[in-house]
Amino acid sequence: MPLKAAIVPVTAFQQNCTLLWDEETKKGAVVDPGGDLERIEEAIAKIGITVEKILLTHGHMDHAGGAAELKAKLGVPIEGPHTGDKILLDNLAQQALAFGMMGARNVTPDRWLEEGDTVEAAGTSFKILHCPGHSPGSVVFVNEAQRFMLMGDVLFRGSIGRTDFPYGDHDALIDAIKTKLLPLGDDYVFICGHGPMSTIGDERETNPFIA
């Protein structure tokens, strides 16, 4: 399949910034550029991607802290997350400073995403699922053609997103995972915001939070 992905770990939190591209055209997107833009730009150049947009799964600093600066450098729009994370994106710079992260800027997306929206990126389509809990506006990008998802911090290999942050909601997170993600099918592969990739099937069987 023409859709390709590469993970670029960024920030002290080792967040999985992801590059997506169409192998034939080299047109693509950057998902969750949380920081360390020089590392992201290096990877873009090495692969030879023409970046057409920036996608955000949610509004925490390690995922969105570098988005505004990268947008200014590349001249591309930002799509996502859901408006529930506006309060986080409006305070990114302050949030980052509290954790010693320098250079983060507040972000105003060019397009907020809602449940059921479609995003075109890297020559393919992603359906949007609004999965609050880790943050109010967390979204998951679902590519049905390749049974692939960009999960953000909703679900991890063997774990789930933290809900002890401001605006977290454990019950909402579990509900979103069980009612929106698990029904998609065990063969779905996903890149999560931190750590290794996994599949819905593996998490259904072994994840202690949802098994």
N, C-alpha and C. Protein backbone atom coordinates (compact mmCIF):
# COMPACT_ATOMS: atom_id res chain seq x y z
N MET A 1 0.85 -1.20 0.00
CA MET A 1 0.00 0.00 0.00
C MET A 1 0.88 1.25 0.00
N PRO A 2 0.40 2.32 -0.63
CA PRO A 2 1.25 3.50 -0.76
C PRO A 2 1.46 4.30 0.52
N LEU A 3 0.57 4.17 1.53
CA LEU A 3 0.72 4.95 2.75
C LEU A 3 1.89 4.42 3.57
N LYS A 4 2.82 5.32 3.91
CA LYS A 4 3.97 4.98 4.73
C LYS A 4 3.99 5.85 5.97
N ALA A 5 4.64 5.34 7.03
CA ALA A 5 4.73 6.09 8.28
C ALA A 5 6.10 5.89 8.90
N ALA A 6 6.58 6.93 9.55
CA ALA A 6 7.85 6.86 10.29
C ALA A 6 7.69 7.61 11.59
N ILE A 7 8.20 7.05 12.66
CA ILE A 7 8.10 7.66 13.98
C ILE A 7 9.38 8.43 14.30
N VAL A 8 9.20 9.67 14.77
CA VAL A 8 10.32 10.50 15.20
C VAL A 8 10.08 10.85 16.68
N PRO A 9 10.75 10.17 17.61
CA PRO A 9 10.54 10.48 19.04
C PRO A 9 11.02 11.90 19.36
N VAL A 10 10.16 12.68 20.03
CA VAL A 10 10.51 14.07 20.35
C VAL A 10 10.22 14.39 21.81
N THR A 11 10.89 15.38 22.30
CA THR A 11 10.79 15.92 23.66
C THR A 11 11.31 14.92 24.69
N ALA A 12 11.47 15.41 25.89
CA ALA A 12 11.92 14.55 26.99
C ALA A 12 10.92 13.44 27.29
N PHE A 13 9.68 13.60 26.80
CA PHE A 13 8.63 12.61 27.02
C PHE A 13 8.65 11.51 25.96
N GLN A 14 9.60 11.60 25.00
CA GLN A 14 9.73 10.60 23.93
C GLN A 14 8.38 10.34 23.26
N GLN A 15 7.78 11.43 22.82
CA GLN A 15 6.48 11.37 22.15
C GLN A 15 6.67 10.96 20.70
N ASN A 16 5.80 10.08 20.22
CA ASN A 16 5.93 9.53 18.87
C ASN A 16 5.36 10.47 17.81
N CYS A 17 6.07 11.55 17.52
CA CYS A 17 5.71 12.35 16.35
C CYS A 17 5.78 11.42 15.14
N THR A 18 4.78 11.48 14.28
CA THR A 18 4.70 10.54 13.15
C THR A 18 4.65 11.28 11.82
N LEU A 19 5.48 10.84 10.89
CA LEU A 19 5.43 11.35 9.53
C LEU A 19 4.63 10.36 8.68
N LEU A 20 3.69 10.87 7.94
CA LEU A 20 2.90 10.07 7.01
C LEU A 20 3.19 10.55 5.60
N TRP A 21 3.28 9.62 4.65
CA TRP A 21 3.45 10.06 3.27
C TRP A 21 2.98 9.00 2.29
N ASP A 22 2.62 9.47 1.11
CA ASP A 22 2.27 8.60 -0.01
C ASP A 22 3.57 8.25 -0.72
N GLU A 23 3.88 6.97 -0.80
CA GLU A 23 5.16 6.54 -1.37
C GLU A 23 5.32 6.96 -2.84
N GLU A 24 4.21 7.07 -3.53
CA GLU A 24 4.28 7.43 -4.95
C GLU A 24 4.52 8.92 -5.17
N THR A 25 3.82 9.76 -4.40
CA THR A 25 3.90 11.20 -4.62
C THR A 25 4.82 11.92 -3.63
N LYS A 26 5.11 11.26 -2.52
CA LYS A 26 5.89 11.83 -1.42
C LYS A 26 5.17 12.98 -0.71
N LYS A 27 3.88 13.14 -0.98
CA LYS A 27 3.10 14.16 -0.27
C LYS A 27 2.63 13.58 1.05
N GLY A 28 2.68 14.39 2.11
CA GLY A 28 2.35 13.82 3.40
C GLY A 28 1.98 14.82 4.47
N ALA A 29 2.05 14.36 5.71
CA ALA A 29 1.64 15.16 6.86
C ALA A 29 2.53 14.84 8.06
N VAL A 30 2.56 15.78 9.00
CA VAL A 30 3.27 15.58 10.27
C VAL A 30 2.22 15.50 11.37
N VAL A 31 2.28 14.43 12.14
CA VAL A 31 1.30 14.22 13.22
C VAL A 31 1.97 14.48 14.57
N ASP A 32 1.39 15.38 15.34
CA ASP A 32 1.85 15.69 16.71
C ASP A 32 3.31 16.11 16.81
N PRO A 33 3.67 17.24 16.17
CA PRO A 33 5.03 17.77 16.32
C PRO A 33 5.18 18.50 17.66
N GLY A 34 5.47 17.74 18.70
CA GLY A 34 5.50 18.30 20.05
C GLY A 34 6.70 19.18 20.36
N GLY A 35 7.78 19.00 19.61
CA GLY A 35 9.00 19.77 19.84
C GLY A 35 10.13 19.16 19.04
N ASP A 36 11.37 19.59 19.36
CA ASP A 36 12.55 19.08 18.64
C ASP A 36 12.35 19.18 17.13
N LEU A 37 11.98 20.38 16.67
CA LEU A 37 11.64 20.54 15.26
C LEU A 37 12.79 20.24 14.33
N GLU A 38 14.03 20.48 14.79
CA GLU A 38 15.17 20.19 13.92
C GLU A 38 15.23 18.69 13.59
N ARG A 39 14.87 17.87 14.55
CA ARG A 39 14.86 16.43 14.32
C ARG A 39 13.74 16.05 13.34
N ILE A 40 12.59 16.68 13.49
CA ILE A 40 11.47 16.41 12.59
C ILE A 40 11.81 16.87 11.17
N GLU A 41 12.37 18.07 11.06
CA GLU A 41 12.71 18.61 9.74
C GLU A 41 13.80 17.77 9.05
N GLU A 42 14.70 17.25 9.85
CA GLU A 42 15.75 16.36 9.32
C GLU A 42 15.13 15.11 8.70
N ALA A 43 14.18 14.52 9.40
CA ALA A 43 13.51 13.32 8.91
C ALA A 43 12.69 13.61 7.65
N ILE A 44 12.01 14.76 7.64
CA ILE A 44 11.24 15.15 6.45
C ILE A 44 12.15 15.25 5.24
N ALA A 45 13.30 15.90 5.42
CA ALA A 45 14.25 16.08 4.31
C ALA A 45 14.85 14.75 3.87
N LYS A 46 15.17 13.89 4.83
CA LYS A 46 15.79 12.60 4.51
C LYS A 46 14.86 11.74 3.66
N ILE A 47 13.57 11.74 4.02
CA ILE A 47 12.60 10.94 3.28
C ILE A 47 12.19 11.63 1.98
N GLY A 48 12.26 12.96 1.99
CA GLY A 48 11.87 13.73 0.81
C GLY A 48 10.39 14.02 0.74
N ILE A 49 9.77 14.23 1.92
CA ILE A 49 8.33 14.46 1.98
C ILE A 49 8.00 15.91 1.68
N THR A 50 6.93 16.13 0.90
CA THR A 50 6.33 17.45 0.76
C THR A 50 5.18 17.51 1.75
N VAL A 51 5.38 18.22 2.84
CA VAL A 51 4.36 18.26 3.90
C VAL A 51 3.22 19.19 3.49
N GLU A 52 1.99 18.67 3.55
CA GLU A 52 0.83 19.45 3.16
C GLU A 52 -0.02 19.90 4.35
N LYS A 53 0.15 19.24 5.50
CA LYS A 53 -0.62 19.66 6.67
C LYS A 53 -0.02 19.06 7.93
N ILE A 54 -0.42 19.63 9.05
CA ILE A 54 -0.07 19.13 10.38
C ILE A 54 -1.34 18.63 11.04
N LEU A 55 -1.27 17.44 11.63
CA LEU A 55 -2.42 16.85 12.31
C LEU A 55 -2.13 16.76 13.81
N LEU A 56 -3.11 17.09 14.63
CA LEU A 56 -2.96 17.00 16.08
C LEU A 56 -4.01 16.07 16.67
N THR A 57 -3.54 15.10 17.48
CA THR A 57 -4.47 14.19 18.15
C THR A 57 -5.06 14.81 19.41
N HIS A 58 -4.29 15.65 20.09
CA HIS A 58 -4.81 16.35 21.26
C HIS A 58 -3.89 17.51 21.64
N GLY A 59 -4.25 18.22 22.71
CA GLY A 59 -3.62 19.49 22.99
C GLY A 59 -2.56 19.53 24.06
N HIS A 60 -2.00 18.40 24.47
CA HIS A 60 -0.94 18.42 25.46
C HIS A 60 0.38 18.87 24.83
N MET A 61 1.23 19.46 25.64
CA MET A 61 2.44 20.13 25.14
C MET A 61 3.37 19.22 24.37
N ASP A 62 3.51 17.97 24.79
CA ASP A 62 4.45 17.07 24.13
C ASP A 62 3.95 16.62 22.75
N HIS A 63 2.69 16.91 22.46
CA HIS A 63 2.12 16.57 21.15
C HIS A 63 1.94 17.79 20.27
N ALA A 64 1.69 18.94 20.86
CA ALA A 64 1.33 20.12 20.07
C ALA A 64 2.28 21.31 20.26
N GLY A 65 3.27 21.18 21.13
CA GLY A 65 4.11 22.31 21.48
C GLY A 65 4.88 22.93 20.33
N GLY A 66 5.21 22.14 19.31
CA GLY A 66 5.97 22.68 18.18
C GLY A 66 5.11 22.95 16.95
N ALA A 67 3.80 22.75 17.06
CA ALA A 67 2.93 22.83 15.88
C ALA A 67 2.88 24.23 15.28
N ALA A 68 2.75 25.25 16.12
CA ALA A 68 2.64 26.62 15.60
C ALA A 68 3.92 27.04 14.88
N GLU A 69 5.06 26.70 15.45
CA GLU A 69 6.33 27.07 14.80
C GLU A 69 6.51 26.30 13.50
N LEU A 70 6.17 25.01 13.49
CA LEU A 70 6.31 24.22 12.27
C LEU A 70 5.36 24.73 11.19
N LYS A 71 4.17 25.13 11.59
CA LYS A 71 3.22 25.71 10.63
C LYS A 71 3.82 26.96 9.99
N ALA A 72 4.44 27.82 10.82
CA ALA A 72 5.03 29.04 10.30
C ALA A 72 6.18 28.74 9.34
N LYS A 73 6.96 27.72 9.63
CA LYS A 73 8.10 27.36 8.79
C LYS A 73 7.67 26.76 7.46
N LEU A 74 6.64 25.92 7.50
CA LEU A 74 6.23 25.17 6.31
C LEU A 74 5.09 25.82 5.54
N GLY A 75 4.35 26.71 6.20
CA GLY A 75 3.22 27.36 5.54
C GLY A 75 2.07 26.41 5.25
N VAL A 76 1.80 25.51 6.19
CA VAL A 76 0.73 24.52 6.00
C VAL A 76 -0.30 24.65 7.12
N PRO A 77 -1.52 24.18 6.89
CA PRO A 77 -2.56 24.27 7.92
C PRO A 77 -2.43 23.19 9.00
N ILE A 78 -3.04 23.48 10.14
CA ILE A 78 -3.14 22.52 11.24
C ILE A 78 -4.58 22.04 11.33
N GLU A 79 -4.76 20.71 11.37
CA GLU A 79 -6.10 20.12 11.51
C GLU A 79 -6.13 19.28 12.78
N GLY A 80 -7.16 19.51 13.60
CA GLY A 80 -7.30 18.80 14.86
C GLY A 80 -6.66 19.59 15.98
N PRO A 81 -7.01 19.20 17.21
CA PRO A 81 -7.93 18.13 17.60
C PRO A 81 -9.38 18.63 17.63
N HIS A 82 -10.17 18.08 18.54
CA HIS A 82 -11.55 18.51 18.78
C HIS A 82 -11.52 19.78 19.63
N THR A 83 -12.56 20.61 19.51
CA THR A 83 -12.61 21.88 20.24
C THR A 83 -12.54 21.72 21.76
N GLY A 84 -12.78 20.51 22.24
CA GLY A 84 -12.66 20.28 23.68
C GLY A 84 -11.28 20.60 24.23
N ASP A 85 -10.28 20.60 23.35
CA ASP A 85 -8.91 20.88 23.80
C ASP A 85 -8.49 22.33 23.59
N LYS A 86 -9.42 23.21 23.25
CA LYS A 86 -9.07 24.61 23.03
C LYS A 86 -8.41 25.22 24.26
N ILE A 87 -8.91 24.89 25.43
CA ILE A 87 -8.35 25.45 26.66
C ILE A 87 -6.89 25.03 26.85
N LEU A 88 -6.54 23.82 26.38
CA LEU A 88 -5.15 23.36 26.47
C LEU A 88 -4.27 24.07 25.44
N LEU A 89 -4.77 24.17 24.21
CA LEU A 89 -3.98 24.79 23.15
C LEU A 89 -3.78 26.29 23.38
N ASP A 90 -4.75 26.92 24.03
CA ASP A 90 -4.64 28.35 24.34
C ASP A 90 -3.61 28.63 25.43
N ASN A 91 -3.20 27.59 26.14
CA ASN A 91 -2.27 27.76 27.26
C ASN A 91 -1.03 26.87 27.12
N LEU A 92 -0.70 26.49 25.88
CA LEU A 92 0.42 25.57 25.66
C LEU A 92 1.75 26.12 26.17
N ALA A 93 2.02 27.37 25.86
CA ALA A 93 3.31 27.96 26.23
C ALA A 93 3.50 27.92 27.74
N GLN A 94 2.46 28.30 28.47
CA GLN A 94 2.53 28.30 29.94
C GLN A 94 2.65 26.88 30.48
N GLN A 95 1.90 25.97 29.89
CA GLN A 95 1.93 24.56 30.28
C GLN A 95 3.34 23.99 30.11
N ALA A 96 3.97 24.32 28.99
CA ALA A 96 5.30 23.79 28.69
C ALA A 96 6.36 24.35 29.63
N LEU A 97 6.26 25.63 29.92
CA LEU A 97 7.24 26.26 30.82
C LEU A 97 7.23 25.62 32.20
N ALA A 98 6.06 25.22 32.64
CA ALA A 98 5.93 24.58 33.95
C ALA A 98 6.70 23.26 34.00
N PHE A 99 6.93 22.65 32.83
CA PHE A 99 7.68 21.40 32.74
C PHE A 99 9.07 21.60 32.18
N GLY A 100 9.51 22.86 32.08
CA GLY A 100 10.86 23.14 31.60
C GLY A 100 11.04 23.02 30.10
N MET A 101 9.94 22.98 29.35
CA MET A 101 10.01 22.92 27.89
C MET A 101 10.00 24.34 27.33
N MET A 102 11.07 24.69 26.65
CA MET A 102 11.20 26.03 26.10
C MET A 102 10.74 26.05 24.64
N GLY A 103 10.19 27.17 24.21
CA GLY A 103 9.89 27.36 22.80
C GLY A 103 8.51 26.94 22.35
N ALA A 104 7.72 26.35 23.22
CA ALA A 104 6.37 25.96 22.81
C ALA A 104 5.50 27.20 22.62
N ARG A 105 4.63 27.13 21.64
CA ARG A 105 3.73 28.26 21.35
C ARG A 105 2.28 27.80 21.44
N ASN A 106 1.41 28.73 21.81
CA ASN A 106 -0.02 28.43 21.78
C ASN A 106 -0.44 28.14 20.34
N VAL A 107 -1.48 27.32 20.18
CA VAL A 107 -1.89 26.86 18.86
C VAL A 107 -3.38 27.15 18.62
N THR A 108 -3.68 27.69 17.44
CA THR A 108 -5.06 27.79 16.98
C THR A 108 -5.16 27.00 15.68
N PRO A 109 -5.80 25.83 15.70
CA PRO A 109 -5.91 25.03 14.48
C PRO A 109 -6.68 25.76 13.39
N ASP A 110 -6.37 25.44 12.14
CA ASP A 110 -7.13 25.96 11.01
C ASP A 110 -8.45 25.21 10.87
N ARG A 111 -8.48 24.00 11.41
CA ARG A 111 -9.70 23.20 11.36
C ARG A 111 -9.83 22.36 12.61
N TRP A 112 -10.91 22.58 13.35
CA TRP A 112 -11.23 21.69 14.47
C TRP A 112 -11.92 20.46 13.92
N LEU A 113 -11.73 19.32 14.56
CA LEU A 113 -12.30 18.07 14.07
C LEU A 113 -13.40 17.57 14.98
N GLU A 114 -14.42 16.98 14.37
CA GLU A 114 -15.56 16.44 15.09
C GLU A 114 -15.71 14.95 14.78
N GLU A 115 -16.43 14.26 15.62
CA GLU A 115 -16.76 12.85 15.38
C GLU A 115 -17.35 12.68 13.98
N GLY A 116 -16.79 11.73 13.22
CA GLY A 116 -17.32 11.44 11.89
C GLY A 116 -16.72 12.25 10.77
N ASP A 117 -15.91 13.27 11.08
CA ASP A 117 -15.24 14.04 10.04
C ASP A 117 -14.28 13.16 9.25
N THR A 118 -13.92 13.61 8.06
CA THR A 118 -12.92 12.94 7.25
C THR A 118 -11.75 13.88 7.02
N VAL A 119 -10.54 13.37 7.18
CA VAL A 119 -9.32 14.14 6.93
C VAL A 119 -8.58 13.47 5.78
N GLU A 120 -8.20 14.26 4.80
CA GLU A 120 -7.39 13.77 3.68
C GLU A 120 -5.93 14.07 3.98
N ALA A 121 -5.09 13.06 3.95
CA ALA A 121 -3.67 13.26 4.22
C ALA A 121 -2.86 12.13 3.60
N ALA A 122 -1.72 12.46 3.04
CA ALA A 122 -0.81 11.46 2.49
C ALA A 122 -1.48 10.57 1.45
N GLY A 123 -2.37 11.16 0.67
CA GLY A 123 -3.00 10.43 -0.40
C GLY A 123 -4.09 9.46 0.02
N THR A 124 -4.57 9.59 1.25
CA THR A 124 -5.60 8.67 1.72
C THR A 124 -6.54 9.40 2.68
N SER A 125 -7.58 8.70 3.14
CA SER A 125 -8.59 9.32 4.01
C SER A 125 -8.55 8.72 5.40
N PHE A 126 -8.76 9.57 6.39
CA PHE A 126 -8.86 9.15 7.78
C PHE A 126 -10.20 9.59 8.34
N LYS A 127 -10.88 8.67 8.99
CA LYS A 127 -12.12 9.00 9.68
C LYS A 127 -11.77 9.41 11.11
N ILE A 128 -12.50 10.39 11.63
CA ILE A 128 -12.21 10.91 12.96
C ILE A 128 -13.16 10.34 14.01
N LEU A 129 -12.56 9.81 15.08
CA LEU A 129 -13.32 9.39 16.25
C LEU A 129 -12.93 10.29 17.42
N HIS A 130 -13.91 10.94 18.02
CA HIS A 130 -13.66 11.76 19.20
C HIS A 130 -13.64 10.85 20.41
N CYS A 131 -12.48 10.75 21.06
CA CYS A 131 -12.30 9.82 22.18
C CYS A 131 -11.79 10.57 23.41
N PRO A 132 -12.66 11.30 24.09
CA PRO A 132 -12.24 12.08 25.26
C PRO A 132 -11.89 11.19 26.44
N GLY A 133 -11.21 11.79 27.40
CA GLY A 133 -10.84 11.09 28.63
C GLY A 133 -9.44 11.45 29.06
N HIS A 134 -8.45 11.18 28.18
CA HIS A 134 -7.09 11.64 28.45
C HIS A 134 -7.06 13.16 28.39
N SER A 135 -7.76 13.69 27.43
CA SER A 135 -8.05 15.12 27.33
C SER A 135 -9.44 15.26 26.74
N PRO A 136 -10.10 16.41 26.93
CA PRO A 136 -11.48 16.53 26.45
C PRO A 136 -11.61 16.45 24.93
N GLY A 137 -10.56 16.84 24.21
CA GLY A 137 -10.66 16.91 22.76
C GLY A 137 -9.84 15.90 22.00
N SER A 138 -9.42 14.83 22.65
CA SER A 138 -8.61 13.82 21.97
C SER A 138 -9.37 13.19 20.81
N VAL A 139 -8.66 13.03 19.68
CA VAL A 139 -9.25 12.36 18.52
C VAL A 139 -8.32 11.24 18.06
N VAL A 140 -8.92 10.24 17.42
CA VAL A 140 -8.18 9.14 16.81
C VAL A 140 -8.43 9.20 15.31
N PHE A 141 -7.35 9.09 14.53
CA PHE A 141 -7.42 9.11 13.08
C PHE A 141 -7.46 7.65 12.59
N VAL A 142 -8.52 7.27 11.89
CA VAL A 142 -8.73 5.89 11.48
C VAL A 142 -8.66 5.77 9.96
N ASN A 143 -7.69 4.99 9.47
CA ASN A 143 -7.58 4.72 8.05
C ASN A 143 -8.13 3.33 7.76
N GLU A 144 -9.34 3.29 7.22
CA GLU A 144 -10.01 2.01 7.01
C GLU A 144 -9.35 1.19 5.90
N ALA A 145 -8.77 1.86 4.91
CA ALA A 145 -8.19 1.15 3.76
C ALA A 145 -7.04 0.25 4.18
N GLN A 146 -6.21 0.74 5.12
CA GLN A 146 -5.06 -0.05 5.56
C GLN A 146 -5.20 -0.57 6.99
N ARG A 147 -6.41 -0.41 7.56
CA ARG A 147 -6.67 -0.91 8.92
C ARG A 147 -5.60 -0.39 9.88
N PHE A 148 -5.49 0.94 9.90
CA PHE A 148 -4.40 1.61 10.62
C PHE A 148 -4.96 2.83 11.34
N MET A 149 -4.43 3.09 12.55
CA MET A 149 -4.89 4.23 13.33
C MET A 149 -3.73 5.02 13.92
N LEU A 150 -3.97 6.31 14.06
CA LEU A 150 -3.10 7.20 14.83
C LEU A 150 -3.85 7.46 16.13
N MET A 151 -3.33 6.91 17.22
CA MET A 151 -4.08 6.77 18.46
C MET A 151 -3.90 7.93 19.43
N GLY A 152 -2.81 8.71 19.27
CA GLY A 152 -2.53 9.69 20.31
C GLY A 152 -2.31 8.99 21.64
N ASP A 153 -2.82 9.57 22.72
CA ASP A 153 -2.63 8.98 24.05
C ASP A 153 -3.90 8.33 24.59
N VAL A 154 -4.75 7.85 23.70
CA VAL A 154 -5.99 7.20 24.14
C VAL A 154 -5.69 5.79 24.64
N LEU A 155 -4.98 5.01 23.83
CA LEU A 155 -4.70 3.61 24.15
C LEU A 155 -3.25 3.30 23.81
N PHE A 156 -2.59 2.55 24.70
CA PHE A 156 -1.19 2.16 24.50
C PHE A 156 -1.07 0.64 24.54
N ARG A 157 0.10 0.16 24.19
CA ARG A 157 0.36 -1.27 24.40
C ARG A 157 0.39 -1.54 25.90
N GLY A 158 -0.59 -2.27 26.38
CA GLY A 158 -0.64 -2.64 27.79
C GLY A 158 -1.11 -1.57 28.74
N SER A 159 -1.58 -0.45 28.21
CA SER A 159 -2.00 0.62 29.11
C SER A 159 -3.01 1.52 28.40
N ILE A 160 -3.42 2.58 29.10
CA ILE A 160 -4.33 3.58 28.54
C ILE A 160 -3.79 4.96 28.89
N GLY A 161 -4.36 5.99 28.29
CA GLY A 161 -3.93 7.34 28.59
C GLY A 161 -4.18 7.72 30.04
N ARG A 162 -3.29 8.53 30.58
CA ARG A 162 -3.47 9.01 31.95
C ARG A 162 -4.69 9.91 32.03
N THR A 163 -5.37 9.84 33.16
CA THR A 163 -6.54 10.70 33.34
C THR A 163 -6.44 11.52 34.63
N ASP A 164 -5.22 11.56 35.19
CA ASP A 164 -5.03 12.34 36.42
C ASP A 164 -4.57 13.76 36.12
N PHE A 165 -4.54 14.13 34.84
CA PHE A 165 -4.23 15.51 34.46
C PHE A 165 -5.51 16.35 34.59
N PRO A 166 -5.36 17.69 34.59
CA PRO A 166 -6.56 18.53 34.54
C PRO A 166 -7.41 18.17 33.31
N TYR A 167 -8.71 18.11 33.51
CA TYR A 167 -9.71 17.81 32.48
C TYR A 167 -9.73 16.33 32.08
N GLY A 168 -9.02 15.48 32.80
CA GLY A 168 -9.05 14.05 32.53
C GLY A 168 -10.34 13.44 33.04
N ASP A 169 -10.74 12.31 32.41
CA ASP A 169 -11.99 11.64 32.80
C ASP A 169 -11.83 10.15 32.50
N HIS A 170 -11.54 9.37 33.54
CA HIS A 170 -11.27 7.94 33.36
C HIS A 170 -12.46 7.20 32.75
N ASP A 171 -13.65 7.45 33.25
CA ASP A 171 -14.83 6.74 32.77
C ASP A 171 -15.08 7.04 31.29
N ALA A 172 -14.89 8.30 30.91
CA ALA A 172 -15.10 8.67 29.50
C ALA A 172 -14.08 7.98 28.60
N LEU A 173 -12.85 7.86 29.08
CA LEU A 173 -11.80 7.21 28.29
C LEU A 173 -12.12 5.73 28.07
N ILE A 174 -12.46 5.03 29.13
CA ILE A 174 -12.79 3.61 29.01
C ILE A 174 -13.99 3.41 28.09
N ASP A 175 -14.98 4.28 28.22
CA ASP A 175 -16.16 4.18 27.38
C ASP A 175 -15.80 4.36 25.90
N ALA A 176 -14.95 5.34 25.60
CA ALA A 176 -14.56 5.59 24.21
C ALA A 176 -13.80 4.39 23.64
N ILE A 177 -12.90 3.83 24.43
CA ILE A 177 -12.13 2.67 23.97
C ILE A 177 -13.04 1.49 23.68
N LYS A 178 -13.96 1.23 24.61
CA LYS A 178 -14.81 0.04 24.47
C LYS A 178 -15.91 0.19 23.42
N THR A 179 -16.43 1.41 23.24
CA THR A 179 -17.56 1.58 22.32
C THR A 179 -17.13 2.04 20.93
N LYS A 180 -15.95 2.65 20.81
CA LYS A 180 -15.54 3.18 19.51
C LYS A 180 -14.34 2.47 18.90
N LEU A 181 -13.38 2.05 19.73
CA LEU A 181 -12.15 1.47 19.18
C LEU A 181 -12.19 -0.05 19.08
N LEU A 182 -12.58 -0.72 20.15
CA LEU A 182 -12.59 -2.19 20.12
C LEU A 182 -13.50 -2.75 19.02
N PRO A 183 -14.65 -2.13 18.75
CA PRO A 183 -15.51 -2.69 17.70
C PRO A 183 -14.94 -2.60 16.28
N LEU A 184 -13.88 -1.82 16.09
CA LEU A 184 -13.33 -1.65 14.74
C LEU A 184 -12.76 -2.95 14.18
N GLY A 185 -12.22 -3.79 15.06
CA GLY A 185 -11.67 -5.05 14.58
C GLY A 185 -10.27 -5.32 15.10
N ASP A 186 -9.98 -6.58 15.39
CA ASP A 186 -8.71 -6.96 16.01
C ASP A 186 -7.50 -6.72 15.12
N ASP A 187 -7.71 -6.64 13.80
CA ASP A 187 -6.57 -6.51 12.89
C ASP A 187 -6.08 -5.07 12.75
N TYR A 188 -6.76 -4.12 13.35
CA TYR A 188 -6.31 -2.72 13.25
C TYR A 188 -4.98 -2.54 13.99
N VAL A 189 -4.01 -1.99 13.28
CA VAL A 189 -2.70 -1.65 13.86
C VAL A 189 -2.71 -0.17 14.23
N PHE A 190 -2.07 0.19 15.33
CA PHE A 190 -2.03 1.61 15.67
C PHE A 190 -0.67 2.07 16.18
N ILE A 191 -0.38 3.32 15.85
CA ILE A 191 0.75 4.03 16.45
C ILE A 191 0.19 4.86 17.59
N CYS A 192 0.73 4.69 18.77
CA CYS A 192 0.26 5.47 19.91
C CYS A 192 1.24 6.59 20.21
N GLY A 193 0.88 7.44 21.16
CA GLY A 193 1.66 8.64 21.43
C GLY A 193 3.00 8.38 22.09
N HIS A 194 3.16 7.24 22.72
CA HIS A 194 4.41 6.89 23.40
C HIS A 194 4.56 5.38 23.34
N GLY A 195 5.79 4.91 23.19
CA GLY A 195 6.04 3.48 23.24
C GLY A 195 5.75 2.78 21.92
N PRO A 196 5.76 1.44 21.96
CA PRO A 196 5.65 0.65 20.73
C PRO A 196 4.23 0.60 20.16
N MET A 197 4.15 0.24 18.89
CA MET A 197 2.87 0.04 18.22
C MET A 197 2.17 -1.18 18.79
N SER A 198 0.88 -1.31 18.48
CA SER A 198 0.13 -2.49 18.90
C SER A 198 -1.04 -2.71 17.95
N THR A 199 -1.89 -3.66 18.29
CA THR A 199 -3.11 -3.91 17.53
C THR A 199 -4.29 -3.94 18.50
N ILE A 200 -5.47 -3.71 17.95
CA ILE A 200 -6.68 -3.79 18.77
C ILE A 200 -6.82 -5.18 19.37
N GLY A 201 -6.50 -6.21 18.58
CA GLY A 201 -6.62 -7.59 19.06
C GLY A 201 -5.74 -7.87 20.26
N ASP A 202 -4.49 -7.43 20.19
CA ASP A 202 -3.56 -7.64 21.30
C ASP A 202 -4.06 -6.94 22.56
N GLU A 203 -4.56 -5.72 22.40
CA GLU A 203 -5.02 -4.98 23.58
C GLU A 203 -6.30 -5.57 24.15
N ARG A 204 -7.16 -6.05 23.28
CA ARG A 204 -8.39 -6.68 23.76
C ARG A 204 -8.06 -7.89 24.64
N GLU A 205 -7.03 -8.63 24.28
CA GLU A 205 -6.68 -9.87 25.00
C GLU A 205 -5.83 -9.62 26.23
N THR A 206 -4.92 -8.63 26.16
CA THR A 206 -3.90 -8.54 27.20
C THR A 206 -3.88 -7.25 28.01
N ASN A 207 -4.55 -6.22 27.55
CA ASN A 207 -4.49 -4.93 28.26
C ASN A 207 -5.31 -5.02 29.54
N PRO A 208 -4.69 -4.88 30.71
CA PRO A 208 -5.41 -5.08 31.98
C PRO A 208 -6.49 -4.04 32.22
N PHE A 209 -6.44 -2.90 31.53
CA PHE A 209 -7.44 -1.86 31.74
C PHE A 209 -8.74 -2.12 30.98
N ILE A 210 -8.66 -2.96 29.97
CA ILE A 210 -9.85 -3.18 29.14
C ILE A 210 -10.18 -4.65 28.89
N ALA A 211 -9.22 -5.56 29.18
CA ALA A 211 -9.44 -6.98 28.86
C ALA A 211 -10.62 -7.55 29.65
